[in-house]
Amino acid sequence: MVNLDLLWVVAAGLSEPIWMVSLKKYNDSKNILWGAVVLAFMFIGPTCLSMATRGTIQVSIAYSVWVSIGAAMVTIIGWLFYKDPIDRQTLAFLGMIIVGVVGLDLITGA
């Protein structure tokens, strides 16, 4: 059985890069539609996170997963589409974030 709380956390994490990329698009174009997307996803992410914490997932774990998904995805999107630099150190530190989240999950038994 799929843990719905975990799906809510993943949905929250995936909303982060959407609003960040939309914010970049809005800043570049000042198009009100991009601004609306930013506002919508700034609301959707925390709402999904709130739904996740109503169940079995601890707040600390949910927040850590949310932030790590967002950080990793925004870094990758920035590298792929905006030519942001990415090097071994960046990848190493992203890896540490992921290891930290997995470690928190393991010690809390979530």
C-alpha atoms as a PDB file:
ATOM      1  CA  MET A   1       0.000   0.000   0.000  1.00  0.00           C
ATOM      2  CA  VAL A   2       1.287   3.453  -0.910  1.00  0.00           C
ATOM      3  CA  ASN A   3       1.736   5.858   1.979  1.00  0.00           C
ATOM      4  CA  LEU A   4      -0.441   8.852   1.052  1.00  0.00           C
ATOM      5  CA  ASP A   5       1.442  11.047   3.508  1.00  0.00           C
ATOM      6  CA  LEU A   6       4.635  10.398   1.583  1.00  0.00           C
ATOM      7  CA  LEU A   7       2.889  11.267  -1.683  1.00  0.00           C
ATOM      8  CA  TRP A   8       1.778  14.579  -0.163  1.00  0.00           C
ATOM      9  CA  VAL A   9       5.393  15.346   0.806  1.00  0.00           C
ATOM     10  CA  VAL A  10       6.654  14.490  -2.685  1.00  0.00           C
ATOM     11  CA  ALA A  11       3.930  16.667  -4.236  1.00  0.00           C
ATOM     12  CA  ALA A  12       4.978  19.519  -1.942  1.00  0.00           C
ATOM     13  CA  GLY A  13       8.621  19.029  -2.897  1.00  0.00           C
ATOM     14  CA  LEU A  14       7.848  18.992  -6.609  1.00  0.00           C
ATOM     15  CA  SER A  15       5.861  22.218  -6.287  1.00  0.00           C
ATOM     16  CA  GLU A  16       8.967  24.078  -5.117  1.00  0.00           C
ATOM     17  CA  PRO A  17      10.831  24.078  -8.433  1.00  0.00           C
ATOM     18  CA  ILE A  18       7.626  25.029 -10.254  1.00  0.00           C
ATOM     19  CA  TRP A  19       7.181  28.222  -8.304  1.00  0.00           C
ATOM     20  CA  MET A  20      10.898  29.012  -8.391  1.00  0.00           C
ATOM     21  CA  VAL A  21      11.089  28.656 -12.192  1.00  0.00           C
ATOM     22  CA  SER A  22       7.847  30.605 -12.505  1.00  0.00           C
ATOM     23  CA  LEU A  23       9.340  33.348 -10.344  1.00  0.00           C
ATOM     24  CA  LYS A  24      12.320  33.542 -12.701  1.00  0.00           C
ATOM     25  CA  LYS A  25       9.951  33.685 -15.682  1.00  0.00           C
ATOM     26  CA  TYR A  26       7.899  36.411 -13.994  1.00  0.00           C
ATOM     27  CA  ASN A  27      10.995  38.450 -13.131  1.00  0.00           C
ATOM     28  CA  ASP A  28      12.194  38.190 -16.729  1.00  0.00           C
ATOM     29  CA  SER A  29       8.860  38.993 -18.401  1.00  0.00           C
ATOM     30  CA  LYS A  30       6.655  40.738 -15.782  1.00  0.00           C
ATOM     31  CA  ASN A  31       3.820  38.669 -17.286  1.00  0.00           C
ATOM     32  CA  ILE A  32       0.939  38.534 -14.812  1.00  0.00           C
ATOM     33  CA  LEU A  33       0.209  34.897 -15.709  1.00  0.00           C
ATOM     34  CA  TRP A  34       3.656  33.857 -14.439  1.00  0.00           C
ATOM     35  CA  GLY A  35       2.944  35.869 -11.303  1.00  0.00           C
ATOM     36  CA  ALA A  36      -0.303  33.944 -10.828  1.00  0.00           C
ATOM     37  CA  VAL A  37       1.552  30.624 -11.226  1.00  0.00           C
ATOM     38  CA  VAL A  38       4.063  31.757  -8.596  1.00  0.00           C
ATOM     39  CA  LEU A  39       1.321  32.617  -6.116  1.00  0.00           C
ATOM     40  CA  ALA A  40      -0.593  29.423  -6.797  1.00  0.00           C
ATOM     41  CA  PHE A  41       2.391  27.139  -6.238  1.00  0.00           C
ATOM     42  CA  MET A  42       3.575  29.117  -3.216  1.00  0.00           C
ATOM     43  CA  PHE A  43       0.211  28.135  -1.744  1.00  0.00           C
ATOM     44  CA  ILE A  44       0.094  24.563  -3.101  1.00  0.00           C
ATOM     45  CA  GLY A  45       3.471  23.473  -1.661  1.00  0.00           C
ATOM     46  CA  PRO A  46       2.798  24.326   1.991  1.00  0.00           C
ATOM     47  CA  THR A  47      -0.754  23.023   1.661  1.00  0.00           C
ATOM     48  CA  CYS A  48       0.547  19.640   0.477  1.00  0.00           C
ATOM     49  CA  LEU A  49       3.082  19.677   3.309  1.00  0.00           C
ATOM     50  CA  SER A  50       0.312  20.388   5.777  1.00  0.00           C
ATOM     51  CA  MET A  51      -1.672  17.430   4.450  1.00  0.00           C
ATOM     52  CA  ALA A  52       1.364  15.167   4.901  1.00  0.00           C
ATOM     53  CA  THR A  53       1.872  16.129   8.528  1.00  0.00           C
ATOM     54  CA  ARG A  54      -1.716  15.305   9.454  1.00  0.00           C
ATOM     55  CA  GLY A  55      -0.888  11.627   9.105  1.00  0.00           C
ATOM     56  CA  THR A  56       2.032   9.499  10.178  1.00  0.00           C
ATOM     57  CA  ILE A  57       4.987  11.564   8.988  1.00  0.00           C
ATOM     58  CA  GLN A  58       6.721  13.743  11.564  1.00  0.00           C
ATOM     59  CA  VAL A  59       6.956  17.444  10.853  1.00  0.00           C
ATOM     60  CA  SER A  60      10.780  17.370  10.871  1.00  0.00           C
ATOM     61  CA  ILE A  61      10.903  14.565   8.319  1.00  0.00           C
ATOM     62  CA  ALA A  62       8.233  16.081   6.083  1.00  0.00           C
ATOM     63  CA  TYR A  63       9.980  19.454   6.054  1.00  0.00           C
ATOM     64  CA  SER A  64      13.404  17.917   5.409  1.00  0.00           C
ATOM     65  CA  VAL A  65      12.123  15.880   2.474  1.00  0.00           C
ATOM     66  CA  TRP A  66      10.226  18.884   1.098  1.00  0.00           C
ATOM     67  CA  VAL A  67      13.271  21.140   1.210  1.00  0.00           C
ATOM     68  CA  SER A  68      15.672  18.507  -0.146  1.00  0.00           C
ATOM     69  CA  ILE A  69      13.455  17.698  -3.137  1.00  0.00           C
ATOM     70  CA  GLY A  70      13.080  21.400  -3.864  1.00  0.00           C
ATOM     71  CA  ALA A  71      16.805  22.133  -3.518  1.00  0.00           C
ATOM     72  CA  ALA A  72      17.859  19.231  -5.710  1.00  0.00           C
ATOM     73  CA  MET A  73      15.284  19.932  -8.396  1.00  0.00           C
ATOM     74  CA  VAL A  74      15.968  23.685  -8.538  1.00  0.00           C
ATOM     75  CA  THR A  75      19.710  23.008  -8.788  1.00  0.00           C
ATOM     76  CA  ILE A  76      19.215  20.557 -11.646  1.00  0.00           C
ATOM     77  CA  ILE A  77      16.731  22.809 -13.478  1.00  0.00           C
ATOM     78  CA  GLY A  78      19.069  25.778 -13.078  1.00  0.00           C
ATOM     79  CA  TRP A  79      21.925  23.751 -14.527  1.00  0.00           C
ATOM     80  CA  LEU A  80      19.890  22.345 -17.432  1.00  0.00           C
ATOM     81  CA  PHE A  81      17.926  25.417 -18.487  1.00  0.00           C
ATOM     82  CA  TYR A  82      19.687  28.481 -17.086  1.00  0.00           C
ATOM     83  CA  LYS A  83      23.326  27.470 -17.417  1.00  0.00           C
ATOM     84  CA  ASP A  84      23.875  27.708 -13.654  1.00  0.00           C
ATOM     85  CA  PRO A  85      27.265  26.237 -12.784  1.00  0.00           C
ATOM     86  CA  ILE A  86      27.301  22.806 -11.193  1.00  0.00           C
ATOM     87  CA  ASP A  87      30.430  21.041 -10.062  1.00  0.00           C
ATOM     88  CA  ARG A  88      31.530  18.125  -7.908  1.00  0.00           C
ATOM     89  CA  GLN A  89      31.248  20.148  -4.717  1.00  0.00           C
ATOM     90  CA  THR A  90      27.654  21.116  -5.506  1.00  0.00           C
ATOM     91  CA  LEU A  91      26.773  17.494  -6.227  1.00  0.00           C
ATOM     92  CA  ALA A  92      28.560  16.374  -3.065  1.00  0.00           C
ATOM     93  CA  PHE A  93      26.619  18.810  -0.889  1.00  0.00           C
ATOM     94  CA  LEU A  94      23.318  17.860  -2.533  1.00  0.00           C
ATOM     95  CA  GLY A  95      24.241  14.254  -1.800  1.00  0.00           C
ATOM     96  CA  MET A  96      24.833  15.187   1.835  1.00  0.00           C
ATOM     97  CA  ILE A  97      21.369  16.725   2.022  1.00  0.00           C
ATOM     98  CA  ILE A  98      19.861  13.506   0.689  1.00  0.00           C
ATOM     99  CA  VAL A  99      21.928  11.356   3.063  1.00  0.00           C
ATOM    100  CA  GLY A 100      20.856  13.595   5.944  1.00  0.00           C
ATOM    101  CA  VAL A 101      17.181  13.235   5.098  1.00  0.00           C
ATOM    102  CA  VAL A 102      17.483   9.469   4.738  1.00  0.00           C
ATOM    103  CA  GLY A 103      19.364   9.377   8.053  1.00  0.00           C
ATOM    104  CA  LEU A 104      16.630  11.353   9.791  1.00  0.00           C
ATOM    105  CA  ASP A 105      14.054   8.988   8.356  1.00  0.00           C
ATOM    106  CA  LEU A 106      15.968   5.956   9.584  1.00  0.00           C
ATOM    107  CA  ILE A 107      16.511   7.173  13.141  1.00  0.00           C
ATOM    108  CA  THR A 108      12.922   8.303  13.596  1.00  0.00           C
ATOM    109  CA  GLY A 109      11.410   5.151  12.135  1.00  0.00           C
ATOM    110  CA  ALA A 110       9.093   7.083   9.835  1.00  0.00           C
END
